[in-house]
Amino acid sequence: MAEDTRKALRLHLIRRDLRPSDLAAGLGISVQYLNNILAGVRRAEPIRTRLIEEYGIPASLLRFRKRKPAPRGSELQSMPPPASPIIGQTELPSNV
């Protein structure tokens, strides 16, 4: 989360006399899970909706951060072969 977004969120909670632990308890979730939602790591749409509607947190402060996509097949093929036999194999692959 960008520092300015973090500060705005912290200020929003202070103005409403809320601590993250109070907010998490009110939502019925752990503080760590709340922090993941606020940091954009977890999508958690039902919780985000409640944060917006019940606690008045602006949606702009609850943006979901997209993750890097997993490697595709072509990227995996460019990886070097294992240096030792795969469990269950008695020999190294012939392309080594």
C-alpha atoms as a PDB file:
ATOM      1  CA  MET A   1       0.000   0.000   0.000  1.00  0.00           C
ATOM      2  CA  ALA A   2       1.320   3.457  -0.837  1.00  0.00           C
ATOM      3  CA  GLU A   3       2.364   5.572   2.124  1.00  0.00           C
ATOM      4  CA  ASP A   4      -0.184   8.320   1.375  1.00  0.00           C
ATOM      5  CA  THR A   5      -2.994   5.727   1.264  1.00  0.00           C
ATOM      6  CA  ARG A   6      -1.796   4.225   4.547  1.00  0.00           C
ATOM      7  CA  LYS A   7      -1.785   7.661   6.188  1.00  0.00           C
ATOM      8  CA  ALA A   8      -5.250   8.502   4.845  1.00  0.00           C
ATOM      9  CA  LEU A   9      -6.625   5.218   6.155  1.00  0.00           C
ATOM     10  CA  ARG A  10      -5.000   5.731   9.550  1.00  0.00           C
ATOM     11  CA  LEU A  11      -6.439   9.270   9.718  1.00  0.00           C
ATOM     12  CA  HIS A  12      -9.896   7.966   8.773  1.00  0.00           C
ATOM     13  CA  LEU A  13      -9.781   5.439  11.642  1.00  0.00           C
ATOM     14  CA  ILE A  14      -8.518   8.053  14.126  1.00  0.00           C
ATOM     15  CA  ARG A  15     -11.355  10.448  13.221  1.00  0.00           C
ATOM     16  CA  ARG A  16     -13.839   7.681  14.005  1.00  0.00           C
ATOM     17  CA  ASP A  17     -11.992   6.718  17.201  1.00  0.00           C
ATOM     18  CA  LEU A  18     -11.315   3.213  15.847  1.00  0.00           C
ATOM     19  CA  ARG A  19      -8.274   1.029  16.242  1.00  0.00           C
ATOM     20  CA  PRO A  20      -7.589  -1.802  13.770  1.00  0.00           C
ATOM     21  CA  SER A  21      -8.277  -4.298  16.567  1.00  0.00           C
ATOM     22  CA  ASP A  22     -11.711  -2.716  17.203  1.00  0.00           C
ATOM     23  CA  LEU A  23     -12.488  -2.742  13.501  1.00  0.00           C
ATOM     24  CA  ALA A  24     -11.438  -6.387  13.124  1.00  0.00           C
ATOM     25  CA  ALA A  25     -13.514  -7.404  16.152  1.00  0.00           C
ATOM     26  CA  GLY A  26     -16.552  -5.579  14.757  1.00  0.00           C
ATOM     27  CA  LEU A  27     -16.136  -7.419  11.459  1.00  0.00           C
ATOM     28  CA  GLY A  28     -15.548 -10.761  13.165  1.00  0.00           C
ATOM     29  CA  ILE A  29     -12.113 -11.272  11.588  1.00  0.00           C
ATOM     30  CA  SER A  30      -8.525 -11.299  12.818  1.00  0.00           C
ATOM     31  CA  VAL A  31      -6.394  -8.157  12.801  1.00  0.00           C
ATOM     32  CA  GLN A  32      -3.949  -9.869  10.440  1.00  0.00           C
ATOM     33  CA  TYR A  33      -6.722 -10.670   7.951  1.00  0.00           C
ATOM     34  CA  LEU A  34      -7.962  -7.064   8.203  1.00  0.00           C
ATOM     35  CA  ASN A  35      -4.438  -5.793   7.541  1.00  0.00           C
ATOM     36  CA  ASN A  36      -4.230  -8.026   4.455  1.00  0.00           C
ATOM     37  CA  ILE A  37      -7.505  -6.578   3.173  1.00  0.00           C
ATOM     38  CA  LEU A  38      -6.413  -3.005   3.870  1.00  0.00           C
ATOM     39  CA  ALA A  39      -3.030  -3.625   2.219  1.00  0.00           C
ATOM     40  CA  GLY A  40      -4.761  -5.012  -0.874  1.00  0.00           C
ATOM     41  CA  VAL A  41      -3.383  -8.525  -0.475  1.00  0.00           C
ATOM     42  CA  ARG A  42      -6.809 -10.127   0.093  1.00  0.00           C
ATOM     43  CA  ARG A  43      -9.834  -9.284  -2.034  1.00  0.00           C
ATOM     44  CA  ALA A  44     -12.548 -10.242   0.537  1.00  0.00           C
ATOM     45  CA  GLU A  45     -15.402  -8.426  -1.228  1.00  0.00           C
ATOM     46  CA  PRO A  46     -18.017  -8.972   1.539  1.00  0.00           C
ATOM     47  CA  ILE A  47     -15.654  -7.472   4.136  1.00  0.00           C
ATOM     48  CA  ARG A  48     -14.661  -4.614   1.826  1.00  0.00           C
ATOM     49  CA  THR A  49     -18.348  -3.846   1.255  1.00  0.00           C
ATOM     50  CA  ARG A  50     -18.938  -3.715   5.015  1.00  0.00           C
ATOM     51  CA  LEU A  51     -15.897  -1.473   5.509  1.00  0.00           C
ATOM     52  CA  ILE A  52     -17.339   0.952   2.967  1.00  0.00           C
ATOM     53  CA  GLU A  53     -21.001   0.822   4.035  1.00  0.00           C
ATOM     54  CA  GLU A  54     -20.789   0.357   7.818  1.00  0.00           C
ATOM     55  CA  TYR A  55     -17.536   2.163   8.623  1.00  0.00           C
ATOM     56  CA  GLY A  56     -17.524   4.808   5.888  1.00  0.00           C
ATOM     57  CA  ILE A  57     -14.069   3.930   4.593  1.00  0.00           C
ATOM     58  CA  PRO A  58     -13.699   5.342   1.065  1.00  0.00           C
ATOM     59  CA  ALA A  59     -13.489   2.649  -1.619  1.00  0.00           C
ATOM     60  CA  SER A  60     -10.422   4.412  -3.022  1.00  0.00           C
ATOM     61  CA  LEU A  61      -8.512   3.352   0.112  1.00  0.00           C
ATOM     62  CA  LEU A  62      -9.445  -0.309  -0.383  1.00  0.00           C
ATOM     63  CA  ARG A  63      -7.939  -1.095  -3.759  1.00  0.00           C
ATOM     64  CA  PHE A  64      -6.982  -4.684  -4.472  1.00  0.00           C
ATOM     65  CA  ARG A  65      -3.338  -5.125  -5.506  1.00  0.00           C
ATOM     66  CA  LYS A  66      -3.013  -7.526  -8.423  1.00  0.00           C
ATOM     67  CA  ARG A  67      -0.446 -10.270  -8.093  1.00  0.00           C
ATOM     68  CA  LYS A  68       2.111 -11.219 -10.690  1.00  0.00           C
ATOM     69  CA  PRO A  69       0.824 -14.031 -12.877  1.00  0.00           C
ATOM     70  CA  ALA A  70       2.232 -17.513 -12.406  1.00  0.00           C
ATOM     71  CA  PRO A  71       4.871 -18.635 -14.931  1.00  0.00           C
ATOM     72  CA  ARG A  72       3.427 -20.030 -18.141  1.00  0.00           C
ATOM     73  CA  GLY A  73       4.502 -23.228 -19.868  1.00  0.00           C
ATOM     74  CA  SER A  74       7.041 -21.510 -22.144  1.00  0.00           C
ATOM     75  CA  GLU A  75       8.681 -19.839 -19.134  1.00  0.00           C
ATOM     76  CA  LEU A  76       8.865 -23.155 -17.317  1.00  0.00           C
ATOM     77  CA  GLN A  77      10.515 -24.816 -20.339  1.00  0.00           C
ATOM     78  CA  SER A  78      13.345 -22.293 -20.191  1.00  0.00           C
ATOM     79  CA  MET A  79      14.229 -23.389 -16.667  1.00  0.00           C
ATOM     80  CA  PRO A  80      17.251 -25.670 -16.328  1.00  0.00           C
ATOM     81  CA  PRO A  81      16.609 -29.361 -15.624  1.00  0.00           C
ATOM     82  CA  PRO A  82      17.096 -30.695 -12.083  1.00  0.00           C
ATOM     83  CA  ALA A  83      20.683 -31.419 -11.081  1.00  0.00           C
ATOM     84  CA  SER A  84      19.768 -34.691  -9.396  1.00  0.00           C
ATOM     85  CA  PRO A  85      17.319 -37.463 -10.280  1.00  0.00           C
ATOM     86  CA  ILE A  86      13.680 -36.912  -9.463  1.00  0.00           C
ATOM     87  CA  ILE A  87      12.462 -39.034  -6.568  1.00  0.00           C
ATOM     88  CA  GLY A  88      11.572 -42.457  -7.889  1.00  0.00           C
ATOM     89  CA  GLN A  89      13.865 -42.207 -10.941  1.00  0.00           C
ATOM     90  CA  THR A  90      17.077 -44.182 -11.006  1.00  0.00           C
ATOM     91  CA  GLU A  91      18.784 -42.094 -13.717  1.00  0.00           C
ATOM     92  CA  LEU A  92      19.045 -38.470 -14.706  1.00  0.00           C
ATOM     93  CA  PRO A  93      16.891 -37.446 -17.680  1.00  0.00           C
ATOM     94  CA  SER A  94      18.663 -37.931 -21.032  1.00  0.00           C
ATOM     95  CA  ASN A  95      18.642 -34.207 -21.848  1.00  0.00           C
ATOM     96  CA  VAL A  96      21.015 -33.421 -18.950  1.00  0.00           C
END
